[in-house]
Amino acid sequence: MIKRFLNAKHWQLFLLTFGIPIIFQIILMGSIFSNIATNTNPDPEKMFNYMKFFPIVMILFMAIFFGWYWSVAIGLQKKVPENVTMKVKKFKIFFFIPMVYILCLIIFITFAMDGLINNGREPNVGLIGSIVAIIVPLHLFSIFCIFYTLYFIAKTFKTVELQREVKFSDFAGEFFMIWFYPVGIWIIQPKINKFIEE
């Protein structure tokens, strides 16, 4: 699987991560708006039923996105010079924390939406407050882990490119290109393809 991500063309990754989800959202929003336009008294339950597809799209998007991250960080380790040590174990820990958090969040949102639709009662304010108090710190820590993942990927990429120990100033550009993935993938992935060919 790692080889597939590393050998993939930039346009293929872009289509998988952004093209297909955007097309799906356009179709989803179009069907919601057509339901509103054609019915004089639109049923909110029908509109919420469309949201059941959202977790599936989110999981597919996340699998491709994080799969690419993993492939670059782990797949390029073979090309890192022997005198350079990379903290791969730390990367692996910080890599899986946001994945588990996002999956748990998707499952929670799915059950919460289903409960709101089928239950019909007003939500418990105390329960919502306690859930928010748990989610906010976890969300912030997950964001930190994602930034560390981006840092590690950019560092690995530049280490392989320069074949030496690198500082943040050496790979700051790559860090921001990976962060702004829709733009950066067009620049980073062709270079990764060259590393793999060599």
C-alpha atoms as a PDB file:
ATOM      1  CA  MET A   1       0.000   0.000   0.000  1.00  0.00           C
ATOM      2  CA  ILE A   2       2.872   2.366   0.797  1.00  0.00           C
ATOM      3  CA  LYS A   3       4.313   1.882  -2.702  1.00  0.00           C
ATOM      4  CA  ARG A   4       0.967   2.752  -4.274  1.00  0.00           C
ATOM      5  CA  PHE A   5       0.810   6.060  -2.423  1.00  0.00           C
ATOM      6  CA  LEU A   6       4.449   6.876  -3.183  1.00  0.00           C
ATOM      7  CA  ASN A   7       4.077   5.980  -6.879  1.00  0.00           C
ATOM      8  CA  ALA A   8       0.705   7.725  -7.283  1.00  0.00           C
ATOM      9  CA  LYS A   9       0.580  10.833  -9.446  1.00  0.00           C
ATOM     10  CA  HIS A  10      -0.246  14.184  -7.864  1.00  0.00           C
ATOM     11  CA  TRP A  11      -3.520  14.518  -9.812  1.00  0.00           C
ATOM     12  CA  GLN A  12      -4.651  11.055  -8.666  1.00  0.00           C
ATOM     13  CA  LEU A  13      -4.147  11.955  -4.998  1.00  0.00           C
ATOM     14  CA  PHE A  14      -5.858  15.309  -5.509  1.00  0.00           C
ATOM     15  CA  LEU A  15      -8.894  13.661  -7.125  1.00  0.00           C
ATOM     16  CA  LEU A  16      -9.157  11.032  -4.392  1.00  0.00           C
ATOM     17  CA  THR A  17      -8.853  13.476  -1.496  1.00  0.00           C
ATOM     18  CA  PHE A  18     -10.707  16.505  -2.869  1.00  0.00           C
ATOM     19  CA  GLY A  19     -12.356  15.788  -6.213  1.00  0.00           C
ATOM     20  CA  ILE A  20     -14.601  12.886  -5.198  1.00  0.00           C
ATOM     21  CA  PRO A  21     -15.684  14.375  -1.811  1.00  0.00           C
ATOM     22  CA  ILE A  22     -16.515  17.723  -3.451  1.00  0.00           C
ATOM     23  CA  ILE A  23     -18.586  15.997  -6.181  1.00  0.00           C
ATOM     24  CA  PHE A  24     -20.366  13.993  -3.485  1.00  0.00           C
ATOM     25  CA  GLN A  25     -21.125  17.168  -1.511  1.00  0.00           C
ATOM     26  CA  ILE A  26     -22.452  18.907  -4.624  1.00  0.00           C
ATOM     27  CA  ILE A  27     -24.778  15.958  -5.302  1.00  0.00           C
ATOM     28  CA  LEU A  28     -25.837  15.827  -1.642  1.00  0.00           C
ATOM     29  CA  MET A  29     -26.526  19.570  -1.392  1.00  0.00           C
ATOM     30  CA  GLY A  30     -28.311  19.522  -4.766  1.00  0.00           C
ATOM     31  CA  SER A  31     -30.657  16.769  -3.599  1.00  0.00           C
ATOM     32  CA  ILE A  32     -31.339  18.620  -0.316  1.00  0.00           C
ATOM     33  CA  PHE A  33     -32.117  21.882  -2.124  1.00  0.00           C
ATOM     34  CA  SER A  34     -34.278  20.109  -4.730  1.00  0.00           C
ATOM     35  CA  ASN A  35     -36.213  18.507  -1.853  1.00  0.00           C
ATOM     36  CA  ILE A  36     -36.775  21.964  -0.363  1.00  0.00           C
ATOM     37  CA  ALA A  37     -37.717  23.516  -3.714  1.00  0.00           C
ATOM     38  CA  THR A  38     -40.162  20.803  -4.817  1.00  0.00           C
ATOM     39  CA  ASN A  39     -41.976  20.413  -1.499  1.00  0.00           C
ATOM     40  CA  THR A  40     -44.073  23.242  -0.109  1.00  0.00           C
ATOM     41  CA  ASN A  41     -43.703  21.712   3.345  1.00  0.00           C
ATOM     42  CA  PRO A  42     -40.197  20.072   3.368  1.00  0.00           C
ATOM     43  CA  ASP A  43     -39.632  17.296   5.874  1.00  0.00           C
ATOM     44  CA  PRO A  44     -36.562  18.039   8.079  1.00  0.00           C
ATOM     45  CA  GLU A  45     -36.198  14.327   8.819  1.00  0.00           C
ATOM     46  CA  LYS A  46     -35.572  13.592   5.127  1.00  0.00           C
ATOM     47  CA  MET A  47     -32.883  16.280   5.034  1.00  0.00           C
ATOM     48  CA  PHE A  48     -31.144  14.798   8.079  1.00  0.00           C
ATOM     49  CA  ASN A  49     -31.288  11.360   6.474  1.00  0.00           C
ATOM     50  CA  TYR A  50     -28.832  12.600   3.838  1.00  0.00           C
ATOM     51  CA  MET A  51     -26.329  13.256   6.627  1.00  0.00           C
ATOM     52  CA  LYS A  52     -25.997   9.494   7.176  1.00  0.00           C
ATOM     53  CA  PHE A  53     -23.662   9.397   4.171  1.00  0.00           C
ATOM     54  CA  PHE A  54     -21.328  12.006   5.674  1.00  0.00           C
ATOM     55  CA  PRO A  55     -19.404   9.571   7.963  1.00  0.00           C
ATOM     56  CA  ILE A  56     -18.690   7.275   4.998  1.00  0.00           C
ATOM     57  CA  VAL A  57     -17.221  10.127   2.948  1.00  0.00           C
ATOM     58  CA  MET A  58     -15.268  11.372   5.964  1.00  0.00           C
ATOM     59  CA  ILE A  59     -13.762   7.938   6.646  1.00  0.00           C
ATOM     60  CA  LEU A  60     -12.753   7.494   2.979  1.00  0.00           C
ATOM     61  CA  PHE A  61     -11.213  10.971   2.899  1.00  0.00           C
ATOM     62  CA  MET A  62      -9.374  10.321   6.164  1.00  0.00           C
ATOM     63  CA  ALA A  63      -8.078   6.925   5.000  1.00  0.00           C
ATOM     64  CA  ILE A  64      -6.537   8.388   1.845  1.00  0.00           C
ATOM     65  CA  PHE A  65      -5.221  11.494   3.591  1.00  0.00           C
ATOM     66  CA  PHE A  66      -3.607   9.657   6.503  1.00  0.00           C
ATOM     67  CA  GLY A  67      -2.524   6.825   4.208  1.00  0.00           C
ATOM     68  CA  TRP A  68      -0.479   9.313   2.204  1.00  0.00           C
ATOM     69  CA  TYR A  69       1.000  10.780   5.401  1.00  0.00           C
ATOM     70  CA  TRP A  70       2.000   7.312   6.617  1.00  0.00           C
ATOM     71  CA  SER A  71       3.440   6.325   3.238  1.00  0.00           C
ATOM     72  CA  VAL A  72       5.667   9.389   2.984  1.00  0.00           C
ATOM     73  CA  ALA A  73       6.880   9.283   6.599  1.00  0.00           C
ATOM     74  CA  ILE A  74       7.486   5.523   6.781  1.00  0.00           C
ATOM     75  CA  GLY A  75       8.080   4.676   3.113  1.00  0.00           C
ATOM     76  CA  LEU A  76      10.903   7.215   2.719  1.00  0.00           C
ATOM     77  CA  GLN A  77      12.742   6.006   5.854  1.00  0.00           C
ATOM     78  CA  LYS A  78      14.754   3.593   3.678  1.00  0.00           C
ATOM     79  CA  LYS A  79      16.228   6.578   1.829  1.00  0.00           C
ATOM     80  CA  VAL A  80      17.198   8.516   4.981  1.00  0.00           C
ATOM     81  CA  PRO A  81      21.012   8.562   5.463  1.00  0.00           C
ATOM     82  CA  GLU A  82      22.323   6.172   8.138  1.00  0.00           C
ATOM     83  CA  ASN A  83      23.943   8.969  10.177  1.00  0.00           C
ATOM     84  CA  VAL A  84      20.565  10.744  10.609  1.00  0.00           C
ATOM     85  CA  THR A  85      18.226   9.496  13.348  1.00  0.00           C
ATOM     86  CA  MET A  86      14.510  10.074  12.973  1.00  0.00           C
ATOM     87  CA  LYS A  87      12.037   9.659  15.870  1.00  0.00           C
ATOM     88  CA  VAL A  88       9.808   7.160  14.090  1.00  0.00           C
ATOM     89  CA  LYS A  89       8.201   5.728  17.271  1.00  0.00           C
ATOM     90  CA  LYS A  90       7.143   9.202  18.408  1.00  0.00           C
ATOM     91  CA  PHE A  91       5.707   9.855  14.936  1.00  0.00           C
ATOM     92  CA  LYS A  92       3.701   6.615  15.030  1.00  0.00           C
ATOM     93  CA  ILE A  93       2.160   7.500  18.409  1.00  0.00           C
ATOM     94  CA  PHE A  94       1.260  11.044  17.345  1.00  0.00           C
ATOM     95  CA  PHE A  95       0.009   9.726  14.007  1.00  0.00           C
ATOM     96  CA  PHE A  96      -2.567   7.319  15.468  1.00  0.00           C
ATOM     97  CA  ILE A  97      -3.964   9.643  18.187  1.00  0.00           C
ATOM     98  CA  PRO A  98      -5.830  11.969  15.738  1.00  0.00           C
ATOM     99  CA  MET A  99      -7.044   8.982  13.712  1.00  0.00           C
ATOM    100  CA  VAL A 100      -8.603   7.341  16.774  1.00  0.00           C
ATOM    101  CA  TYR A 101     -10.010  10.686  17.941  1.00  0.00           C
ATOM    102  CA  ILE A 102     -11.577  11.488  14.540  1.00  0.00           C
ATOM    103  CA  LEU A 103     -13.087   7.999  14.237  1.00  0.00           C
ATOM    104  CA  CYS A 104     -14.575   8.282  17.741  1.00  0.00           C
ATOM    105  CA  LEU A 105     -15.902  11.749  16.896  1.00  0.00           C
ATOM    106  CA  ILE A 106     -17.522  10.484  13.674  1.00  0.00           C
ATOM    107  CA  ILE A 107     -19.164   7.599  15.553  1.00  0.00           C
ATOM    108  CA  PHE A 108     -20.366   9.975  18.292  1.00  0.00           C
ATOM    109  CA  ILE A 109     -21.795  12.473  15.771  1.00  0.00           C
ATOM    110  CA  THR A 110     -23.522   9.657  13.864  1.00  0.00           C
ATOM    111  CA  PHE A 111     -25.227   8.345  17.009  1.00  0.00           C
ATOM    112  CA  ALA A 112     -26.043  11.874  18.219  1.00  0.00           C
ATOM    113  CA  MET A 113     -27.673  12.782  14.891  1.00  0.00           C
ATOM    114  CA  ASP A 114     -29.585   9.496  14.863  1.00  0.00           C
ATOM    115  CA  GLY A 115     -30.723  10.134  18.444  1.00  0.00           C
ATOM    116  CA  LEU A 116     -31.892  13.668  17.612  1.00  0.00           C
ATOM    117  CA  ILE A 117     -33.853  12.470  14.586  1.00  0.00           C
ATOM    118  CA  ASN A 118     -35.481   9.421  16.174  1.00  0.00           C
ATOM    119  CA  ASN A 119     -35.840  10.674  19.757  1.00  0.00           C
ATOM    120  CA  GLY A 120     -37.721  13.910  19.188  1.00  0.00           C
ATOM    121  CA  ARG A 121     -36.999  15.177  22.722  1.00  0.00           C
ATOM    122  CA  GLU A 122     -35.022  18.285  23.575  1.00  0.00           C
ATOM    123  CA  PRO A 123     -31.306  17.632  24.204  1.00  0.00           C
ATOM    124  CA  ASN A 124     -29.930  17.580  27.756  1.00  0.00           C
ATOM    125  CA  VAL A 125     -27.912  20.796  28.256  1.00  0.00           C
ATOM    126  CA  GLY A 126     -25.789  19.343  31.082  1.00  0.00           C
ATOM    127  CA  LEU A 127     -24.819  16.335  29.006  1.00  0.00           C
ATOM    128  CA  ILE A 128     -23.900  18.523  26.033  1.00  0.00           C
ATOM    129  CA  GLY A 129     -21.783  20.773  28.299  1.00  0.00           C
ATOM    130  CA  SER A 130     -19.864  17.830  29.755  1.00  0.00           C
ATOM    131  CA  ILE A 131     -19.286  16.354  26.273  1.00  0.00           C
ATOM    132  CA  VAL A 132     -17.944  19.703  25.034  1.00  0.00           C
ATOM    133  CA  ALA A 133     -15.649  19.893  28.099  1.00  0.00           C
ATOM    134  CA  ILE A 134     -14.189  16.508  27.083  1.00  0.00           C
ATOM    135  CA  ILE A 135     -14.050  17.132  23.340  1.00  0.00           C
ATOM    136  CA  VAL A 136     -12.313  20.553  23.376  1.00  0.00           C
ATOM    137  CA  PRO A 137      -9.042  19.429  25.093  1.00  0.00           C
ATOM    138  CA  LEU A 138      -8.982  16.218  23.013  1.00  0.00           C
ATOM    139  CA  HIS A 139      -9.517  18.267  19.871  1.00  0.00           C
ATOM    140  CA  LEU A 140      -6.667  20.645  20.718  1.00  0.00           C
ATOM    141  CA  PHE A 141      -4.321  17.743  21.490  1.00  0.00           C
ATOM    142  CA  SER A 142      -5.342  16.066  18.231  1.00  0.00           C
ATOM    143  CA  ILE A 143      -4.488  19.270  16.342  1.00  0.00           C
ATOM    144  CA  PHE A 144      -1.067  19.305  18.023  1.00  0.00           C
ATOM    145  CA  CYS A 145      -0.513  15.675  16.957  1.00  0.00           C
ATOM    146  CA  ILE A 146      -1.452  16.497  13.362  1.00  0.00           C
ATOM    147  CA  PHE A 147       1.023  19.392  13.316  1.00  0.00           C
ATOM    148  CA  TYR A 148       3.749  17.093  14.637  1.00  0.00           C
ATOM    149  CA  THR A 149       2.857  14.612  11.887  1.00  0.00           C
ATOM    150  CA  LEU A 150       3.194  17.356   9.254  1.00  0.00           C
ATOM    151  CA  TYR A 151       6.513  18.391  10.823  1.00  0.00           C
ATOM    152  CA  PHE A 152       7.844  14.822  10.706  1.00  0.00           C
ATOM    153  CA  ILE A 153       6.726  14.252   7.102  1.00  0.00           C
ATOM    154  CA  ALA A 154       8.327  17.517   5.933  1.00  0.00           C
ATOM    155  CA  LYS A 155      11.535  16.701   7.839  1.00  0.00           C
ATOM    156  CA  THR A 156      11.693  13.188   6.356  1.00  0.00           C
ATOM    157  CA  PHE A 157      11.061  14.531   2.858  1.00  0.00           C
ATOM    158  CA  LYS A 158      13.794  17.186   3.097  1.00  0.00           C
ATOM    159  CA  THR A 159      16.259  14.780   4.765  1.00  0.00           C
ATOM    160  CA  VAL A 160      15.863  12.391   1.836  1.00  0.00           C
ATOM    161  CA  GLU A 161      16.184  15.250  -0.655  1.00  0.00           C
ATOM    162  CA  LEU A 162      19.320  16.808   0.908  1.00  0.00           C
ATOM    163  CA  GLN A 163      20.785  13.556   2.331  1.00  0.00           C
ATOM    164  CA  ARG A 164      21.822  15.252   5.593  1.00  0.00           C
ATOM    165  CA  GLU A 165      20.505  16.373   8.993  1.00  0.00           C
ATOM    166  CA  VAL A 166      18.048  19.254   8.505  1.00  0.00           C
ATOM    167  CA  LYS A 167      16.724  22.105  10.644  1.00  0.00           C
ATOM    168  CA  PHE A 168      13.198  23.535  10.510  1.00  0.00           C
ATOM    169  CA  SER A 169      14.433  26.439   8.390  1.00  0.00           C
ATOM    170  CA  ASP A 170      15.475  23.888   5.730  1.00  0.00           C
ATOM    171  CA  PHE A 171      12.015  22.328   5.445  1.00  0.00           C
ATOM    172  CA  ALA A 172       9.648  25.141   6.492  1.00  0.00           C
ATOM    173  CA  GLY A 173       8.436  25.481   2.903  1.00  0.00           C
ATOM    174  CA  GLU A 174       7.663  21.768   2.659  1.00  0.00           C
ATOM    175  CA  PHE A 175       5.889  21.898   6.044  1.00  0.00           C
ATOM    176  CA  PHE A 176       3.511  24.594   4.761  1.00  0.00           C
ATOM    177  CA  MET A 177       3.035  22.818   1.424  1.00  0.00           C
ATOM    178  CA  ILE A 178       2.011  19.630   3.234  1.00  0.00           C
ATOM    179  CA  TRP A 179      -0.200  21.658   5.570  1.00  0.00           C
ATOM    180  CA  PHE A 180      -1.947  23.269   2.577  1.00  0.00           C
ATOM    181  CA  TYR A 181      -2.273  19.891   0.905  1.00  0.00           C
ATOM    182  CA  PRO A 182      -4.464  20.879  -2.106  1.00  0.00           C
ATOM    183  CA  VAL A 183      -1.661  23.156  -3.351  1.00  0.00           C
ATOM    184  CA  GLY A 184       1.376  21.338  -1.936  1.00  0.00           C
ATOM    185  CA  ILE A 185       0.530  17.923  -3.374  1.00  0.00           C
ATOM    186  CA  TRP A 186       1.183  19.282  -6.897  1.00  0.00           C
ATOM    187  CA  ILE A 187       4.771  20.177  -5.894  1.00  0.00           C
ATOM    188  CA  ILE A 188       5.689  17.513  -3.312  1.00  0.00           C
ATOM    189  CA  GLN A 189       4.341  14.345  -4.966  1.00  0.00           C
ATOM    190  CA  PRO A 190       6.338  14.657  -8.247  1.00  0.00           C
ATOM    191  CA  LYS A 191       9.528  14.912  -6.167  1.00  0.00           C
ATOM    192  CA  ILE A 192       8.496  11.842  -4.157  1.00  0.00           C
ATOM    193  CA  ASN A 193       7.926  10.001  -7.459  1.00  0.00           C
ATOM    194  CA  LYS A 194      11.515  10.887  -8.451  1.00  0.00           C
ATOM    195  CA  PHE A 195      12.880   9.612  -5.099  1.00  0.00           C
ATOM    196  CA  ILE A 196      11.119   6.297  -5.660  1.00  0.00           C
ATOM    197  CA  GLU A 197      12.343   5.993  -9.255  1.00  0.00           C
ATOM    198  CA  GLU A 198      15.928   6.634  -8.155  1.00  0.00           C
END
